[in-house]
């Protein structure tokens, strides 16, 4: 961290009374590839979907100097960095992630993964046995580097929200402590975009209202804020602008994945038949995720052919989502490549789940930033009010006579 904020965050500030760590791998997918192939070191490595609709999942810091970042369309990444090393994500990231999470659990049982490459730790109970939070953070960083050849950044603070801000401010390969005595001075100097739940468009509109920093936001009372963003969003922003974040580090996750699948009455000969079904399944999975308060980053498509041969294809998205259209786009691209024969069954799964509140989805303020999510939320309400058959895709109307058997794979009849 450079500039005036360096007075409020750094590796040598006192960590007394602090216990929350946010550990974030640096350019995780790209770093794993470089560790596996040292000849890539120093090169702009870009990992993501290489198809026409692919997006960047991770970019090395060398690639970021060209303006390449996660969630950027791959076509734009290729134009910005024509000499980049472009790679498809592999399943090895999951295994590396599991091994790193196991390192964290050697220091404390209170580990909450919020993505394949980041987690919160509560080390309050480890101080006497292992050492101060800063000592634990340094040990974790050293072990991750020594055992996996990659770097991570650690933020230490009094709350999950502040710890995440501390790690973001200390990247890459850094360690940042925000002392309790000066945490609000640090927070209030940050731009409003730093608050979870404020997207780019909302930040622009808040700026037009004169709220450029978190401090500007904190000076408003909740009623004044509600007149601009609505009551629910106002309460959320009001609390975080004051670093009020009582959520504990919760190692337990109720659901590990959410999935739906369909068996066709007659084998679906091509995408004209199974494509609309896949879209409907994706929307159902997303609806269940929203209802449970989850967002996921992993998408898997399952295909069973007429001869009962079954295959799965998986992909990590650039960011967590609870939007059916985004799940469908990834699933459809994989299914297009894999469905080489008539399809008997098709399914979609969303995994690598985290609390949707922790991924900072856009707060509604006038014009929506995520149009598909708004549409799907309306569909959720209509379904809740009028029943499951009230709203559906146009493709479903076209296949009413195809006699599909749509089932949740967890259902006893499946």
Protein backbone atom coordinates (compact mmCIF):
# COMPACT_ATOMS: atom_id res chain seq x y z
CA UNK A 1 0.00 0.00 0.00
CA UNK A 2 1.41 3.34 -1.04
CA UNK A 3 0.59 6.96 -0.31
CA UNK A 4 -1.28 8.35 2.65
CA UNK A 5 -3.04 5.05 3.44
CA UNK A 6 0.30 3.45 4.34
CA UNK A 7 -0.10 5.08 7.76
CA UNK A 8 -3.10 2.84 8.44
CA UNK A 9 -2.10 -0.51 6.96
CA UNK A 10 1.14 -2.47 6.94
CA UNK A 11 2.87 -5.64 8.15
CA UNK A 12 4.31 -4.02 11.28
CA UNK A 13 1.23 -2.42 12.81
CA UNK A 14 -0.04 -3.79 16.17
CA UNK A 15 -2.37 -6.78 15.85
CA UNK A 16 -3.56 -6.84 19.46
CA UNK A 17 -7.23 -7.75 19.63
CA UNK A 18 -7.36 -8.77 15.98
CA UNK A 19 -8.12 -12.33 14.96
CA UNK A 20 -9.59 -12.39 11.43
CA UNK A 21 -7.33 -13.26 8.51
CA UNK A 22 -8.28 -13.10 4.84
CA UNK A 23 -5.87 -15.18 2.76
CA UNK A 24 -6.01 -14.69 -1.01
CA UNK A 25 -3.87 -16.46 -3.58
CA UNK A 26 -2.20 -14.14 -6.10
CA UNK A 27 -3.46 -14.76 -9.68
CA UNK A 28 -4.15 -18.32 -8.52
CA UNK A 29 -4.83 -20.23 -11.76
CA UNK A 30 -2.00 -18.47 -13.60
CA UNK A 31 0.36 -18.95 -10.65
CA UNK A 32 -0.35 -22.69 -10.53
CA UNK A 33 0.48 -22.94 -14.23
CA UNK A 34 3.75 -21.06 -13.73
CA UNK A 35 4.69 -23.26 -10.75
CA UNK A 36 4.03 -26.33 -12.90
CA UNK A 37 6.01 -24.94 -15.85
CA UNK A 38 8.78 -22.55 -14.69
CA UNK A 39 9.48 -21.57 -18.31
CA UNK A 40 6.32 -19.44 -18.08
CA UNK A 41 7.79 -17.28 -15.32
CA UNK A 42 7.84 -13.62 -16.30
CA UNK A 43 5.46 -14.16 -19.22
CA UNK A 44 1.90 -12.84 -19.52
CA UNK A 45 -0.08 -15.99 -18.67
CA UNK A 46 -3.84 -15.82 -19.26
CA UNK A 47 -6.16 -18.64 -18.17
CA UNK A 48 -9.77 -18.93 -19.24
CA UNK A 49 -12.23 -20.14 -21.83
CA UNK A 50 -10.60 -20.10 -25.24
CA UNK A 51 -13.85 -20.33 -27.22
CA UNK A 52 -15.56 -17.38 -28.92
CA UNK A 53 -17.58 -16.62 -25.78
CA UNK A 54 -14.78 -17.37 -23.32
CA UNK A 55 -13.73 -15.02 -20.53
CA UNK A 56 -10.53 -14.62 -18.54
CA UNK A 57 -10.51 -16.57 -15.27
CA UNK A 58 -7.05 -15.42 -14.14
CA UNK A 59 -4.21 -13.32 -15.47
CA UNK A 60 -0.65 -13.15 -14.23
CA UNK A 61 0.57 -9.76 -13.08
CA UNK A 62 2.65 -9.52 -16.26
CA UNK A 63 -0.59 -9.86 -18.27
CA UNK A 64 -2.33 -7.25 -16.12
CA UNK A 65 0.09 -4.59 -17.34
CA UNK A 66 -1.66 -4.98 -20.71
CA UNK A 67 -5.07 -4.33 -19.17
CA UNK A 68 -6.03 -8.00 -18.95
CA UNK A 69 -8.03 -9.00 -15.87
CA UNK A 70 -10.52 -11.61 -14.72
CA UNK A 71 -13.99 -11.51 -16.30
CA UNK A 72 -12.61 -9.75 -19.40
CA UNK A 73 -13.86 -11.34 -22.66
CA UNK A 74 -11.09 -13.49 -24.06
CA UNK A 75 -11.38 -11.86 -27.47
CA UNK A 76 -10.49 -8.50 -25.91
CA UNK A 77 -7.65 -10.09 -23.91
CA UNK A 78 -6.14 -11.44 -27.15
CA UNK A 79 -6.25 -7.99 -28.72
CA UNK A 80 -4.70 -6.31 -25.70
CA UNK A 81 -2.02 -8.93 -25.18
CA UNK A 82 -1.37 -10.71 -28.52
CA UNK A 83 1.85 -12.29 -27.23
CA UNK A 84 0.23 -13.71 -24.12
CA UNK A 85 0.30 -17.40 -23.20
CA UNK A 86 -3.36 -18.45 -23.34
CA UNK A 87 -4.33 -21.59 -21.41
CA UNK A 88 -7.51 -23.53 -20.66
CA UNK A 89 -8.31 -24.09 -16.95
CA UNK A 90 -7.56 -27.58 -15.65
CA UNK A 91 -8.88 -29.69 -12.79
CA UNK A 92 -5.52 -29.43 -10.97
CA UNK A 93 -6.53 -26.13 -9.35
CA UNK A 94 -9.04 -27.89 -7.13
CA UNK A 95 -6.43 -30.27 -5.75
CA UNK A 96 -3.96 -27.45 -5.09
CA UNK A 97 -6.76 -25.52 -3.37
CA UNK A 98 -7.59 -28.48 -1.11
CA UNK A 99 -3.95 -28.82 -0.09
CA UNK A 100 -3.67 -25.11 0.70
CA UNK A 101 -6.90 -25.16 2.73
CA UNK A 102 -5.43 -28.10 4.65
CA UNK A 103 -2.44 -25.89 5.55
CA UNK A 104 -4.82 -23.28 6.94
CA UNK A 105 -6.56 -25.89 9.11
CA UNK A 106 -3.26 -26.77 10.74
CA UNK A 107 -3.39 -23.33 12.37
CA UNK A 108 -7.11 -23.16 13.24
CA UNK A 109 -10.27 -25.22 12.69
CA UNK A 110 -12.10 -21.95 11.96
CA UNK A 111 -11.49 -21.79 8.22
CA UNK A 112 -14.18 -20.56 5.83
CA UNK A 113 -13.29 -20.98 2.15
CA UNK A 114 -15.13 -18.38 0.08
CA UNK A 115 -13.61 -19.42 -3.22
CA UNK A 116 -11.15 -21.93 -4.60
CA UNK A 117 -8.38 -19.39 -3.97
CA UNK A 118 -9.33 -17.49 -0.83
CA UNK A 119 -10.54 -18.07 2.71
CA UNK A 120 -11.23 -16.39 6.03
CA UNK A 121 -9.53 -17.68 9.18
CA UNK A 122 -10.28 -16.89 12.81
CA UNK A 123 -7.05 -17.42 14.74
CA UNK A 124 -8.22 -16.12 18.13
CA UNK A 125 -7.72 -19.54 19.72
CA UNK A 126 -4.28 -20.05 18.17
CA UNK A 127 -2.54 -17.04 19.72
CA UNK A 128 -1.36 -18.87 22.85
CA UNK A 129 -0.31 -22.09 21.07
CA UNK A 130 1.14 -20.74 17.82
CA UNK A 131 1.65 -17.01 18.12
CA UNK A 132 0.24 -13.63 17.18
CA UNK A 133 -1.86 -13.24 14.02
CA UNK A 134 1.04 -11.61 12.17
CA UNK A 135 3.30 -14.56 13.00
CA UNK A 136 0.63 -16.98 11.79
CA UNK A 137 0.18 -15.00 8.57
CA UNK A 138 3.90 -15.00 7.87
CA UNK A 139 4.11 -18.73 8.50
CA UNK A 140 1.18 -19.44 6.17
CA UNK A 141 2.67 -17.32 3.40
CA UNK A 142 6.06 -19.04 3.74
CA UNK A 143 4.50 -22.52 3.63
CA UNK A 144 2.32 -21.82 0.60
CA UNK A 145 5.36 -20.53 -1.26
CA UNK A 146 7.62 -23.40 -0.20
CA UNK A 147 5.12 -26.22 -0.75
CA UNK A 148 3.33 -24.98 -3.87
CA UNK A 149 5.60 -22.42 -5.48
CA UNK A 150 2.94 -19.69 -5.47
CA UNK A 151 2.36 -16.55 -3.42
CA UNK A 152 -0.54 -15.33 -1.35
CA UNK A 153 -1.55 -12.10 0.33
CA UNK A 154 -2.94 -11.91 3.87
CA UNK A 155 -5.07 -9.18 5.42
CA UNK A 156 -5.53 -9.01 9.20
CA UNK A 157 -8.30 -7.00 10.86
CA UNK A 158 -11.15 -7.04 13.36
CA UNK A 159 -13.88 -8.08 10.87
CA UNK A 160 -14.20 -10.15 7.71
CA UNK A 161 -15.03 -7.05 5.68
CA UNK A 162 -11.96 -5.16 6.88
CA UNK A 163 -9.66 -8.17 6.52
CA UNK A 164 -10.66 -8.56 2.87
CA UNK A 165 -10.03 -4.87 2.26
CA UNK A 166 -6.62 -5.26 3.90
CA UNK A 167 -5.61 -8.12 1.63
CA UNK A 168 -6.85 -6.30 -1.48
CA UNK A 169 -4.82 -3.24 -0.51
CA UNK A 170 -1.67 -5.32 0.08
CA UNK A 171 -1.54 -7.31 -3.19
CA UNK A 172 0.42 -8.94 -4.59
CA UNK A 173 2.50 -11.09 -2.25
CA UNK A 174 1.85 -8.85 0.74
CA UNK A 175 0.77 -8.73 4.36
CA UNK A 176 -1.46 -5.96 5.65
CA UNK A 177 -2.63 -5.27 9.20
CA UNK A 178 -5.32 -2.67 9.87
CA UNK A 179 -5.04 -1.69 13.53
CA UNK A 180 -8.31 -1.44 15.42
CA UNK A 181 -7.52 2.11 16.61
CA UNK A 182 -7.25 3.49 13.07
CA UNK A 183 -9.50 1.16 11.08
CA UNK A 184 -12.18 3.78 10.42
CA UNK A 185 -9.59 6.31 9.25
CA UNK A 186 -8.35 3.71 6.77
CA UNK A 187 -11.85 2.70 5.68
CA UNK A 188 -13.23 6.20 5.25
CA UNK A 189 -10.45 7.22 2.87
CA UNK A 190 -11.30 4.42 0.43
CA UNK A 191 -13.51 5.03 -2.62
CA UNK A 192 -17.16 3.97 -2.25
CA UNK A 193 -16.50 1.18 -4.75
CA UNK A 194 -14.58 -0.64 -1.99
CA UNK A 195 -17.80 -1.49 -0.12
CA UNK A 196 -19.23 -4.97 -0.78
CA UNK A 197 -22.36 -4.66 -2.86
CA UNK A 198 -21.48 -1.47 -4.70
CA UNK A 199 -20.94 -2.14 -8.39
CA UNK A 200 -19.39 0.15 -10.97
CA UNK A 201 -22.64 1.80 -12.06
CA UNK A 202 -23.85 2.30 -8.50
CA UNK A 203 -20.48 3.86 -7.62
CA UNK A 204 -20.86 6.27 -10.53
CA UNK A 205 -24.32 7.30 -9.36
CA UNK A 206 -23.22 7.70 -5.75
CA UNK A 207 -20.39 9.90 -7.00
CA UNK A 208 -22.91 12.07 -8.81
CA UNK A 209 -24.72 12.38 -5.48
CA UNK A 210 -21.50 13.67 -3.93
CA UNK A 211 -20.46 10.42 -2.22
CA UNK A 212 -16.96 9.69 -3.45
CA UNK A 213 -15.43 7.99 -0.42
CA UNK A 214 -16.65 5.56 2.21
CA UNK A 215 -16.39 8.46 4.65
CA UNK A 216 -18.93 10.41 2.59
CA UNK A 217 -21.22 7.39 2.82
CA UNK A 218 -20.69 7.08 6.57
CA UNK A 219 -21.74 10.67 7.17
CA UNK A 220 -25.25 9.96 5.90
CA UNK A 221 -27.91 8.62 8.23
CA UNK A 222 -29.68 5.46 7.16
CA UNK A 223 -32.93 7.26 6.26
CA UNK A 224 -31.18 9.66 3.90
CA UNK A 225 -29.34 6.76 2.32
CA UNK A 226 -32.57 4.78 1.95
CA UNK A 227 -34.09 7.56 -0.16
CA UNK A 228 -31.38 6.85 -2.75
CA UNK A 229 -30.81 3.10 -2.61
CA UNK A 230 -33.79 1.61 -0.78
CA UNK A 231 -34.13 0.44 2.80
CA UNK A 232 -32.43 -2.97 2.58
CA UNK A 233 -29.43 -1.68 0.65
CA UNK A 234 -29.19 1.39 2.89
CA UNK A 235 -28.90 -0.74 6.04
CA UNK A 236 -26.21 -2.87 4.38
CA UNK A 237 -24.15 0.14 3.28
CA UNK A 238 -24.70 2.03 6.53
CA UNK A 239 -23.26 -0.89 8.53
CA UNK A 240 -20.24 -1.59 6.34
CA UNK A 241 -19.33 2.11 6.09
CA UNK A 242 -18.82 1.90 9.86
CA UNK A 243 -17.09 -1.52 9.75
CA UNK A 244 -20.09 -3.14 11.42
CA UNK A 245 -19.78 -6.74 10.25
CA UNK A 246 -20.75 -9.24 12.96
CA UNK A 247 -20.57 -12.32 10.71
CA UNK A 248 -18.35 -14.99 12.25
CA UNK A 249 -15.94 -17.19 10.34
CA UNK A 250 -18.19 -20.19 9.65
CA UNK A 251 -16.35 -23.35 8.59
CA UNK A 252 -19.55 -25.30 7.96
CA UNK A 253 -21.23 -25.13 4.57
CA UNK A 254 -24.74 -26.56 4.33
CA UNK A 255 -24.62 -27.28 0.61
CA UNK A 256 -21.57 -28.19 -1.45
CA UNK A 257 -23.37 -27.95 -4.78
CA UNK A 258 -26.75 -27.33 -6.37
CA UNK A 259 -27.82 -29.37 -9.38
CA UNK A 260 -30.75 -30.34 -11.59
CA UNK A 261 -30.99 -32.82 -14.44
CA UNK A 262 -33.51 -34.06 -16.99
CA UNK A 263 -34.06 -37.46 -18.62
CA UNK A 264 -35.71 -37.26 -22.03
CA UNK A 265 -38.58 -39.54 -22.96
CA UNK A 266 -36.88 -39.93 -26.34
CA UNK A 267 -33.21 -39.26 -26.96
CA UNK A 268 -32.68 -35.60 -27.89
CA UNK A 269 -31.06 -35.65 -31.33
CA UNK A 270 -29.42 -32.22 -31.20
CA UNK A 271 -29.08 -28.91 -29.41
CA UNK A 272 -32.36 -27.65 -30.80
CA UNK A 273 -34.03 -30.06 -28.37
CA UNK A 274 -31.67 -30.25 -25.40
CA UNK A 275 -30.55 -26.59 -25.53
CA UNK A 276 -33.81 -25.06 -24.17
CA UNK A 277 -33.87 -27.76 -21.49
CA UNK A 278 -30.34 -26.87 -20.40
CA UNK A 279 -31.36 -23.22 -20.15
CA UNK A 280 -34.34 -24.11 -17.97
CA UNK A 281 -32.20 -26.31 -15.72
CA UNK A 282 -29.63 -23.52 -15.37
CA UNK A 283 -32.36 -21.12 -14.29
CA UNK A 284 -33.68 -23.62 -11.74
CA UNK A 285 -30.20 -24.09 -10.26
CA UNK A 286 -29.73 -20.32 -10.07
CA UNK A 287 -33.14 -19.83 -8.46
CA UNK A 288 -32.30 -22.38 -5.76
CA UNK A 289 -28.93 -20.68 -5.19
CA UNK A 290 -30.56 -17.26 -4.77
CA UNK A 291 -33.17 -18.66 -2.41
CA UNK A 292 -30.46 -20.21 -0.24
CA UNK A 293 -28.18 -17.16 -0.35
CA UNK A 294 -25.41 -18.85 -2.32
CA UNK A 295 -23.36 -17.95 -5.38
CA UNK A 296 -21.08 -20.41 -7.16
CA UNK A 297 -18.04 -20.30 -9.37
CA UNK A 298 -17.88 -23.88 -10.65
CA UNK A 299 -20.22 -25.10 -13.41
CA UNK A 300 -20.51 -28.75 -14.45
CA UNK A 301 -22.59 -30.14 -17.28
CA UNK A 302 -23.58 -33.82 -17.22
CA UNK A 303 -24.54 -35.70 -20.40
CA UNK A 304 -25.77 -39.29 -20.73
CA UNK A 305 -26.04 -40.71 -24.22
CA UNK A 306 -28.48 -43.28 -25.57
CA UNK A 307 -26.04 -46.13 -24.82
CA UNK A 308 -25.93 -44.94 -21.16
CA UNK A 309 -22.38 -43.66 -21.50
CA UNK A 310 -22.13 -40.68 -19.16
CA UNK A 311 -19.66 -37.81 -19.24
CA UNK A 312 -19.17 -34.60 -17.26
CA UNK A 313 -17.38 -31.41 -18.17
CA UNK A 314 -16.49 -28.70 -15.63
CA UNK A 315 -15.35 -25.11 -15.73
CA UNK A 316 -14.45 -22.40 -13.24
CA UNK A 317 -16.11 -19.07 -13.98
CA UNK A 318 -14.26 -15.77 -13.74
CA UNK A 319 -16.48 -14.74 -10.82
CA UNK A 320 -19.16 -16.21 -8.56
CA UNK A 321 -22.72 -16.06 -9.87
CA UNK A 322 -26.31 -16.88 -9.01
CA UNK A 323 -27.59 -15.94 -12.48
CA UNK A 324 -29.06 -18.69 -14.63
CA UNK A 325 -28.03 -17.12 -17.91
CA UNK A 326 -24.39 -16.99 -16.84
CA UNK A 327 -24.51 -20.63 -15.70
CA UNK A 328 -26.17 -21.59 -18.97
CA UNK A 329 -23.59 -19.79 -21.13
CA UNK A 330 -20.78 -21.83 -19.57
CA UNK A 331 -22.76 -25.09 -19.58
CA UNK A 332 -23.89 -24.61 -23.18
CA UNK A 333 -20.37 -24.04 -24.47
CA UNK A 334 -19.21 -27.25 -22.80
CA UNK A 335 -22.26 -29.21 -23.97
CA UNK A 336 -21.86 -28.02 -27.55
CA UNK A 337 -18.38 -29.53 -27.61
CA UNK A 338 -19.28 -32.73 -25.75
CA UNK A 339 -22.71 -33.76 -27.11
CA UNK A 340 -21.48 -35.81 -30.07
CA UNK A 341 -24.49 -38.19 -30.13
CA UNK A 342 -28.20 -38.14 -29.21
CA UNK A 343 -28.66 -37.21 -25.55
CA UNK A 344 -30.68 -39.29 -23.09
CA UNK A 345 -30.04 -37.13 -20.00
CA UNK A 346 -28.62 -33.66 -19.44
CA UNK A 347 -27.88 -31.87 -16.19
CA UNK A 348 -26.10 -28.85 -14.76
CA UNK A 349 -24.43 -28.28 -11.40
CA UNK A 350 -23.20 -25.16 -9.61
CA UNK A 351 -20.48 -25.66 -6.98
CA UNK A 352 -17.65 -23.87 -5.18
CA UNK A 353 -20.43 -22.09 -3.32
CA UNK A 354 -19.98 -19.05 -1.11
CA UNK A 355 -22.37 -16.73 0.68
CA UNK A 356 -23.73 -14.45 -2.03
CA UNK A 357 -23.31 -11.45 0.30
CA UNK A 358 -19.56 -12.04 0.39
CA UNK A 359 -19.05 -11.60 -3.35
CA UNK A 360 -20.22 -8.01 -3.44
CA UNK A 361 -23.00 -8.17 -6.03
CA UNK A 362 -24.29 -4.84 -7.33
CA UNK A 363 -26.67 -2.90 -5.11
CA UNK A 364 -29.78 -1.82 -7.03
CA UNK A 365 -29.83 1.90 -7.67
CA UNK A 366 -31.92 3.04 -10.62
CA UNK A 367 -30.66 1.37 -13.76
CA UNK A 368 -29.69 -2.26 -13.09
CA UNK A 369 -26.19 -3.47 -13.80
CA UNK A 370 -27.15 -7.16 -14.00
CA UNK A 371 -30.20 -7.28 -16.28
CA UNK A 372 -30.48 -11.07 -16.39
CA UNK A 373 -30.49 -11.31 -12.62
CA UNK A 374 -33.29 -8.76 -12.40
CA UNK A 375 -35.37 -10.73 -14.91
CA UNK A 376 -34.76 -14.00 -13.08
CA UNK A 377 -35.64 -12.44 -9.73
CA UNK A 378 -38.99 -11.37 -11.18
CA UNK A 379 -39.46 -14.96 -12.38
CA UNK A 380 -38.73 -16.18 -8.84
CA UNK A 381 -41.47 -13.96 -7.46
CA UNK A 382 -43.97 -15.01 -10.10
CA UNK A 383 -43.25 -18.67 -9.45
CA UNK A 384 -43.61 -18.18 -5.69
CA UNK A 385 -46.95 -16.43 -6.15
CA UNK A 386 -48.55 -18.39 -9.00
CA UNK A 387 -46.78 -21.75 -8.96
CA UNK A 388 -44.02 -23.47 -10.89
CA UNK A 389 -45.82 -23.43 -14.21
CA UNK A 390 -46.44 -19.69 -14.22
CA UNK A 391 -43.18 -18.64 -15.88
CA UNK A 392 -40.78 -20.49 -18.12
CA UNK A 393 -38.65 -20.23 -21.22
CA UNK A 394 -40.19 -20.03 -24.65
CA UNK A 395 -38.29 -23.19 -25.51
CA UNK A 396 -40.35 -25.10 -22.97
CA UNK A 397 -43.55 -24.24 -24.83
CA UNK A 398 -42.07 -25.64 -28.02
CA UNK A 399 -41.32 -29.02 -26.45
CA UNK A 400 -44.48 -29.72 -24.44
CA UNK A 401 -44.99 -32.94 -26.36
CA UNK A 402 -41.42 -34.23 -25.96
CA UNK A 403 -42.34 -35.98 -22.68
CA UNK A 404 -39.24 -35.07 -20.71
CA UNK A 405 -38.79 -36.20 -17.14
CA UNK A 406 -37.39 -33.20 -15.22
CA UNK A 407 -36.14 -34.16 -11.81
CA UNK A 408 -33.90 -32.95 -9.07
CA UNK A 409 -31.16 -35.65 -8.90
CA UNK A 410 -31.66 -35.75 -5.14
CA UNK A 411 -35.31 -36.81 -5.56
CA UNK A 412 -36.04 -40.41 -4.54
CA UNK A 413 -37.40 -41.20 -8.00
CA UNK A 414 -34.25 -40.04 -9.80
